[in-house]
Amino acid sequence: MSVKVTINHDECTSCGLCYNDECPDVFEEGEEGLSSLKSDFRKGGPTDGEIPDDKKGCAQNAADACPVSAITVG
């Protein structure tokens, strides 16, 4: 089973919490320092994709830690 993940680049502040601290298995630093999904999980570009269910907790931690709520999981 997979879980949808979306990153809103209009809101992202390039803080790095998601890819440096909370969930480097799913997120990486992309263009201009903005958060992006790792290529294995991309379905519609660097900001839209699906992750395996076993990565959901990690991705949700990143979404919860995001200071501007730019990440949506589920």
PDB file of N, CA and C in Angstrom:
ATOM      1  N   MET A   1       0.838  -1.178   0.000  1.00  0.00           N
ATOM      2  CA  MET A   1       0.000   0.000   0.000  1.00  0.00           C
ATOM      3  C   MET A   1       0.890   1.251   0.000  1.00  0.00           C
ATOM      4  N   SER A   2       0.442   2.284  -0.670  1.00  0.00           N
ATOM      5  CA  SER A   2       1.234   3.510  -0.737  1.00  0.00           C
ATOM      6  C   SER A   2       0.443   4.694  -0.184  1.00  0.00           C
ATOM      7  N   VAL A   3       1.179   5.732   0.159  1.00  0.00           N
ATOM      8  CA  VAL A   3       0.615   6.933   0.778  1.00  0.00           C
ATOM      9  C   VAL A   3       1.022   8.137  -0.066  1.00  0.00           C
ATOM     10  N   LYS A   4       0.080   9.010  -0.354  1.00  0.00           N
ATOM     11  CA  LYS A   4       0.358  10.199  -1.149  1.00  0.00           C
ATOM     12  C   LYS A   4       1.076  11.247  -0.294  1.00  0.00           C
ATOM     13  N   VAL A   5       2.072  11.905  -0.893  1.00  0.00           N
ATOM     14  CA  VAL A   5       2.804  12.986  -0.240  1.00  0.00           C
ATOM     15  C   VAL A   5       2.891  14.156  -1.219  1.00  0.00           C
ATOM     16  N   THR A   6       2.620  15.348  -0.711  1.00  0.00           N
ATOM     17  CA  THR A   6       2.686  16.561  -1.519  1.00  0.00           C
ATOM     18  C   THR A   6       3.484  17.617  -0.767  1.00  0.00           C
ATOM     19  N   ILE A   7       4.318  18.349  -1.502  1.00  0.00           N
ATOM     20  CA  ILE A   7       5.078  19.467  -0.939  1.00  0.00           C
ATOM     21  C   ILE A   7       4.644  20.733  -1.661  1.00  0.00           C
ATOM     22  N   ASN A   8       4.289  21.752  -0.913  1.00  0.00           N
ATOM     23  CA  ASN A   8       3.894  23.027  -1.489  1.00  0.00           C
ATOM     24  C   ASN A   8       5.130  23.921  -1.564  1.00  0.00           C
ATOM     25  N   HIS A   9       5.707  24.037  -2.747  1.00  0.00           N
ATOM     26  CA  HIS A   9       6.912  24.852  -2.911  1.00  0.00           C
ATOM     27  C   HIS A   9       6.641  26.335  -2.708  1.00  0.00           C
ATOM     28  N   ASP A  10       5.404  26.773  -2.865  1.00  0.00           N
ATOM     29  CA  ASP A  10       5.084  28.182  -2.606  1.00  0.00           C
ATOM     30  C   ASP A  10       5.214  28.516  -1.121  1.00  0.00           C
ATOM     31  N   GLU A  11       5.058  27.508  -0.268  1.00  0.00           N
ATOM     32  CA  GLU A  11       5.142  27.707   1.179  1.00  0.00           C
ATOM     33  C   GLU A  11       6.507  27.335   1.754  1.00  0.00           C
ATOM     34  N   CYS A  12       7.222  26.432   1.114  1.00  0.00           N
ATOM     35  CA  CYS A  12       8.499  25.917   1.629  1.00  0.00           C
ATOM     36  C   CYS A  12       9.493  27.066   1.853  1.00  0.00           C
ATOM     37  N   THR A  13      10.146  27.036   3.016  1.00  0.00           N
ATOM     38  CA  THR A  13      11.118  28.086   3.367  1.00  0.00           C
ATOM     39  C   THR A  13      12.564  27.591   3.310  1.00  0.00           C
ATOM     40  N   SER A  14      12.779  26.396   2.812  1.00  0.00           N
ATOM     41  CA  SER A  14      14.121  25.814   2.694  1.00  0.00           C
ATOM     42  C   SER A  14      14.808  25.611   4.034  1.00  0.00           C
ATOM     43  N   CYS A  15      14.042  25.342   5.069  1.00  0.00           N
ATOM     44  CA  CYS A  15      14.638  25.178   6.399  1.00  0.00           C
ATOM     45  C   CYS A  15      15.426  23.879   6.530  1.00  0.00           C
ATOM     46  N   GLY A  16      15.072  22.868   5.748  1.00  0.00           N
ATOM     47  CA  GLY A  16      15.803  21.608   5.758  1.00  0.00           C
ATOM     48  C   GLY A  16      15.400  20.611   6.816  1.00  0.00           C
ATOM     49  N   LEU A  17      14.434  20.929   7.649  1.00  0.00           N
ATOM     50  CA  LEU A  17      14.032  19.986   8.699  1.00  0.00           C
ATOM     51  C   LEU A  17      13.598  18.635   8.139  1.00  0.00           C
ATOM     52  N   CYS A  18      12.865  18.648   7.052  1.00  0.00           N
ATOM     53  CA  CYS A  18      12.340  17.392   6.516  1.00  0.00           C
ATOM     54  C   CYS A  18      13.441  16.483   5.980  1.00  0.00           C
ATOM     55  N   TYR A  19      14.373  17.038   5.217  1.00  0.00           N
ATOM     56  CA  TYR A  19      15.396  16.187   4.609  1.00  0.00           C
ATOM     57  C   TYR A  19      16.667  16.059   5.437  1.00  0.00           C
ATOM     58  N   ASN A  20      16.950  16.978   6.327  1.00  0.00           N
ATOM     59  CA  ASN A  20      18.148  16.874   7.168  1.00  0.00           C
ATOM     60  C   ASN A  20      17.887  16.151   8.478  1.00  0.00           C
ATOM     61  N   ASP A  21      16.734  16.388   9.076  1.00  0.00           N
ATOM     62  CA  ASP A  21      16.481  15.894  10.426  1.00  0.00           C
ATOM     63  C   ASP A  21      15.391  14.825  10.524  1.00  0.00           C
ATOM     64  N   GLU A  22      14.255  15.070   9.942  1.00  0.00           N
ATOM     65  CA  GLU A  22      13.089  14.231  10.204  1.00  0.00           C
ATOM     66  C   GLU A  22      12.962  13.000   9.305  1.00  0.00           C
ATOM     67  N   CYS A  23      13.211  13.141   8.003  1.00  0.00           N
ATOM     68  CA  CYS A  23      12.941  12.018   7.110  1.00  0.00           C
ATOM     69  C   CYS A  23      13.794  12.049   5.840  1.00  0.00           C
ATOM     70  N   PRO A  24      15.096  11.885   5.978  1.00  0.00           N
ATOM     71  CA  PRO A  24      15.957  11.887   4.793  1.00  0.00           C
ATOM     72  C   PRO A  24      15.741  10.683   3.880  1.00  0.00           C
ATOM     73  N   ASP A  25      14.998   9.672   4.335  1.00  0.00           N
ATOM     74  CA  ASP A  25      14.674   8.527   3.477  1.00  0.00           C
ATOM     75  C   ASP A  25      13.684   8.903   2.381  1.00  0.00           C
ATOM     76  N   VAL A  26      12.887   9.941   2.617  1.00  0.00           N
ATOM     77  CA  VAL A  26      11.827  10.336   1.683  1.00  0.00           C
ATOM     78  C   VAL A  26      12.127  11.667   1.005  1.00  0.00           C
ATOM     79  N   PHE A  27      12.681  12.615   1.754  1.00  0.00           N
ATOM     80  CA  PHE A  27      12.877  13.976   1.246  1.00  0.00           C
ATOM     81  C   PHE A  27      14.352  14.266   0.974  1.00  0.00           C
ATOM     82  N   GLU A  28      14.588  15.192   0.056  1.00  0.00           N
ATOM     83  CA  GLU A  28      15.941  15.643  -0.247  1.00  0.00           C
ATOM     84  C   GLU A  28      15.895  17.120  -0.597  1.00  0.00           C
ATOM     85  N   GLU A  29      17.070  17.739  -0.575  1.00  0.00           N
ATOM     86  CA  GLU A  29      17.161  19.134  -0.982  1.00  0.00           C
ATOM     87  C   GLU A  29      17.106  19.195  -2.500  1.00  0.00           C
ATOM     88  N   GLY A  30      16.167  19.951  -3.009  1.00  0.00           N
ATOM     89  CA  GLY A  30      16.017  20.083  -4.452  1.00  0.00           C
ATOM     90  C   GLY A  30      16.494  21.436  -4.938  1.00  0.00           C
ATOM     91  N   GLU A  31      15.958  21.850  -6.065  1.00  0.00           N
ATOM     92  CA  GLU A  31      16.328  23.123  -6.660  1.00  0.00           C
ATOM     93  C   GLU A  31      16.107  24.274  -5.686  1.00  0.00           C
ATOM     94  N   GLU A  32      17.038  25.188  -5.687  1.00  0.00           N
ATOM     95  CA  GLU A  32      16.959  26.387  -4.858  1.00  0.00           C
ATOM     96  C   GLU A  32      16.826  26.073  -3.373  1.00  0.00           C
ATOM     97  N   GLY A  33      17.243  24.875  -2.967  1.00  0.00           N
ATOM     98  CA  GLY A  33      17.191  24.497  -1.572  1.00  0.00           C
ATOM     99  C   GLY A  33      15.834  24.052  -1.077  1.00  0.00           C
ATOM    100  N   LEU A  34      14.855  24.023  -1.949  1.00  0.00           N
ATOM    101  CA  LEU A  34      13.509  23.631  -1.545  1.00  0.00           C
ATOM    102  C   LEU A  34      13.426  22.120  -1.356  1.00  0.00           C
ATOM    103  N   SER A  35      12.551  21.700  -0.471  1.00  0.00           N
ATOM    104  CA  SER A  35      12.333  20.289  -0.228  1.00  0.00           C
ATOM    105  C   SER A  35      11.750  19.624  -1.472  1.00  0.00           C
ATOM    106  N   SER A  36      12.215  18.405  -1.735  1.00  0.00           N
ATOM    107  CA  SER A  36      11.691  17.612  -2.840  1.00  0.00           C
ATOM    108  C   SER A  36      11.605  16.163  -2.399  1.00  0.00           C
ATOM    109  N   LEU A  37      10.761  15.407  -3.070  1.00  0.00           N
ATOM    110  CA  LEU A  37      10.711  13.974  -2.831  1.00  0.00           C
ATOM    111  C   LEU A  37      11.883  13.322  -3.554  1.00  0.00           C
ATOM    112  N   LYS A  38      12.423  12.293  -2.959  1.00  0.00           N
ATOM    113  CA  LYS A  38      13.471  11.536  -3.643  1.00  0.00           C
ATOM    114  C   LYS A  38      12.872  10.944  -4.916  1.00  0.00           C
ATOM    115  N   SER A  39      13.693  10.781  -5.928  1.00  0.00           N
ATOM    116  CA  SER A  39      13.208  10.370  -7.251  1.00  0.00           C
ATOM    117  C   SER A  39      12.438   9.054  -7.233  1.00  0.00           C
ATOM    118  N   ASP A  40      12.757   8.137  -6.331  1.00  0.00           N
ATOM    119  CA  ASP A  40      12.049   6.855  -6.248  1.00  0.00           C
ATOM    120  C   ASP A  40      10.573   7.020  -5.926  1.00  0.00           C
ATOM    121  N   PHE A  41      10.202   8.137  -5.331  1.00  0.00           N
ATOM    122  CA  PHE A  41       8.827   8.327  -4.870  1.00  0.00           C
ATOM    123  C   PHE A  41       8.026   9.318  -5.706  1.00  0.00           C
ATOM    124  N   ARG A  42       8.643   9.928  -6.689  1.00  0.00           N
ATOM    125  CA  ARG A  42       7.970  10.957  -7.487  1.00  0.00           C
ATOM    126  C   ARG A  42       6.960  10.349  -8.449  1.00  0.00           C
ATOM    127  N   LYS A  43       5.796  10.979  -8.524  1.00  0.00           N
ATOM    128  CA  LYS A  43       4.765  10.578  -9.476  1.00  0.00           C
ATOM    129  C   LYS A  43       4.395  11.738 -10.389  1.00  0.00           C
ATOM    130  N   GLY A  44       4.535  12.963  -9.913  1.00  0.00           N
ATOM    131  CA  GLY A  44       4.167  14.124 -10.699  1.00  0.00           C
ATOM    132  C   GLY A  44       5.198  15.225 -10.594  1.00  0.00           C
ATOM    133  N   GLY A  45       6.436  14.880 -10.500  1.00  0.00           N
ATOM    134  CA  GLY A  45       7.486  15.870 -10.323  1.00  0.00           C
ATOM    135  C   GLY A  45       8.035  15.813  -8.916  1.00  0.00           C
ATOM    136  N   PRO A  46       8.894  16.755  -8.555  1.00  0.00           N
ATOM    137  CA  PRO A  46       9.574  16.700  -7.258  1.00  0.00           C
ATOM    138  C   PRO A  46       8.682  16.987  -6.054  1.00  0.00           C
ATOM    139  N   THR A  47       7.463  17.443  -6.298  1.00  0.00           N
ATOM    140  CA  THR A  47       6.595  17.816  -5.175  1.00  0.00           C
ATOM    141  C   THR A  47       5.393  16.901  -4.988  1.00  0.00           C
ATOM    142  N   ASP A  48       5.193  15.946  -5.852  1.00  0.00           N
ATOM    143  CA  ASP A  48       4.047  15.044  -5.762  1.00  0.00           C
ATOM    144  C   ASP A  48       4.503  13.609  -5.937  1.00  0.00           C
ATOM    145  N   GLY A  49       4.024  12.741  -5.053  1.00  0.00           N
ATOM    146  CA  GLY A  49       4.397  11.347  -5.191  1.00  0.00           C
ATOM    147  C   GLY A  49       3.710  10.445  -4.207  1.00  0.00           C
ATOM    148  N   GLU A  50       4.197   9.214  -4.172  1.00  0.00           N
ATOM    149  CA  GLU A  50       3.671   8.202  -3.270  1.00  0.00           C
ATOM    150  C   GLU A  50       4.833   7.486  -2.607  1.00  0.00           C
ATOM    151  N   ILE A  51       4.654   7.200  -1.327  1.00  0.00           N
ATOM    152  CA  ILE A  51       5.677   6.502  -0.563  1.00  0.00           C
ATOM    153  C   ILE A  51       5.098   5.192  -0.041  1.00  0.00           C
ATOM    154  N   PRO A  52       5.953   4.217   0.240  1.00  0.00           N
ATOM    155  CA  PRO A  52       5.472   2.978   0.845  1.00  0.00           C
ATOM    156  C   PRO A  52       4.901   3.257   2.232  1.00  0.00           C
ATOM    157  N   ASP A  53       3.969   2.434   2.619  1.00  0.00           N
ATOM    158  CA  ASP A  53       3.304   2.599   3.917  1.00  0.00           C
ATOM    159  C   ASP A  53       4.300   2.621   5.081  1.00  0.00           C
ATOM    160  N   ASP A  54       5.411   1.880   4.955  1.00  0.00           N
ATOM    161  CA  ASP A  54       6.375   1.830   6.059  1.00  0.00           C
ATOM    162  C   ASP A  54       7.164   3.135   6.226  1.00  0.00           C
ATOM    163  N   LYS A  55       7.040   4.066   5.285  1.00  0.00           N
ATOM    164  CA  LYS A  55       7.691   5.375   5.387  1.00  0.00           C
ATOM    165  C   LYS A  55       6.726   6.471   5.849  1.00  0.00           C
ATOM    166  N   LYS A  56       5.468   6.101   6.057  1.00  0.00           N
ATOM    167  CA  LYS A  56       4.443   7.087   6.408  1.00  0.00           C
ATOM    168  C   LYS A  56       4.756   7.801   7.723  1.00  0.00           C
ATOM    169  N   GLY A  57       5.173   7.083   8.754  1.00  0.00           N
ATOM    170  CA  GLY A  57       5.464   7.698  10.049  1.00  0.00           C
ATOM    171  C   GLY A  57       6.570   8.729   9.946  1.00  0.00           C
ATOM    172  N   CYS A  58       7.603   8.383   9.228  1.00  0.00           N
ATOM    173  CA  CYS A  58       8.737   9.289   9.017  1.00  0.00           C
ATOM    174  C   CYS A  58       8.267  10.551   8.281  1.00  0.00           C
ATOM    175  N   ALA A  59       7.515  10.366   7.203  1.00  0.00           N
ATOM    176  CA  ALA A  59       7.026  11.510   6.422  1.00  0.00           C
ATOM    177  C   ALA A  59       6.072  12.364   7.242  1.00  0.00           C
ATOM    178  N   GLN A  60       5.245  11.729   8.064  1.00  0.00           N
ATOM    179  CA  GLN A  60       4.311  12.493   8.898  1.00  0.00           C
ATOM    180  C   GLN A  60       5.074  13.300   9.945  1.00  0.00           C
ATOM    181  N   ASN A  61       6.138  12.748  10.482  1.00  0.00           N
ATOM    182  CA  ASN A  61       6.983  13.507  11.421  1.00  0.00           C
ATOM    183  C   ASN A  61       7.536  14.755  10.753  1.00  0.00           C
ATOM    184  N   ALA A  62       7.971  14.609   9.487  1.00  0.00           N
ATOM    185  CA  ALA A  62       8.484  15.757   8.745  1.00  0.00           C
ATOM    186  C   ALA A  62       7.386  16.789   8.517  1.00  0.00           C
ATOM    187  N   ALA A  63       6.199  16.315   8.169  1.00  0.00           N
ATOM    188  CA  ALA A  63       5.073  17.233   7.953  1.00  0.00           C
ATOM    189  C   ALA A  63       4.727  17.972   9.244  1.00  0.00           C
ATOM    190  N   ASP A  64       4.728  17.259  10.356  1.00  0.00           N
ATOM    191  CA  ASP A  64       4.410  17.875  11.651  1.00  0.00           C
ATOM    192  C   ASP A  64       5.482  18.878  12.076  1.00  0.00           C
ATOM    193  N   ALA A  65       6.731  18.618  11.713  1.00  0.00           N
ATOM    194  CA  ALA A  65       7.833  19.504  12.095  1.00  0.00           C
ATOM    195  C   ALA A  65       7.955  20.723  11.188  1.00  0.00           C
ATOM    196  N   CYS A  66       7.380  20.659  10.010  1.00  0.00           N
ATOM    197  CA  CYS A  66       7.505  21.756   9.048  1.00  0.00           C
ATOM    198  C   CYS A  66       6.906  23.040   9.628  1.00  0.00           C
ATOM    199  N   PRO A  67       7.706  24.095   9.735  1.00  0.00           N
ATOM    200  CA  PRO A  67       7.216  25.323  10.377  1.00  0.00           C
ATOM    201  C   PRO A  67       6.142  26.073   9.587  1.00  0.00           C
ATOM    202  N   VAL A  68       5.989  25.730   8.308  1.00  0.00           N
ATOM    203  CA  VAL A  68       4.986  26.429   7.490  1.00  0.00           C
ATOM    204  C   VAL A  68       3.927  25.469   6.926  1.00  0.00           C
ATOM    205  N   SER A  69       3.921  24.238   7.411  1.00  0.00           N
ATOM    206  CA  SER A  69       2.939  23.230   6.994  1.00  0.00           C
ATOM    207  C   SER A  69       2.922  23.041   5.481  1.00  0.00           C
ATOM    208  N   ALA A  70       4.106  22.955   4.878  1.00  0.00           N
ATOM    209  CA  ALA A  70       4.207  22.805   3.427  1.00  0.00           C
ATOM    210  C   ALA A  70       4.091  21.358   2.946  1.00  0.00           C
ATOM    211  N   ILE A  71       4.089  20.409   3.867  1.00  0.00           N
ATOM    212  CA  ILE A  71       4.047  18.989   3.490  1.00  0.00           C
ATOM    213  C   ILE A  71       2.711  18.384   3.916  1.00  0.00           C
ATOM    214  N   THR A  72       2.101  17.657   2.988  1.00  0.00           N
ATOM    215  CA  THR A  72       0.852  16.946   3.260  1.00  0.00           C
ATOM    216  C   THR A  72       1.098  15.466   3.052  1.00  0.00           C
ATOM    217  N   VAL A  73       0.699  14.652   4.015  1.00  0.00           N
ATOM    218  CA  VAL A  73       0.842  13.203   3.940  1.00  0.00           C
ATOM    219  C   VAL A  73      -0.546  12.585   4.046  1.00  0.00           C
ATOM    220  N   GLY A  74      -0.876  11.739   3.073  1.00  0.00           N
ATOM    221  CA  GLY A  74      -2.167  11.052   3.119  1.00  0.00           C
ATOM    222  C   GLY A  74      -3.164  11.580   2.133  1.00  0.00           C
TER     223      GLY A  74
END
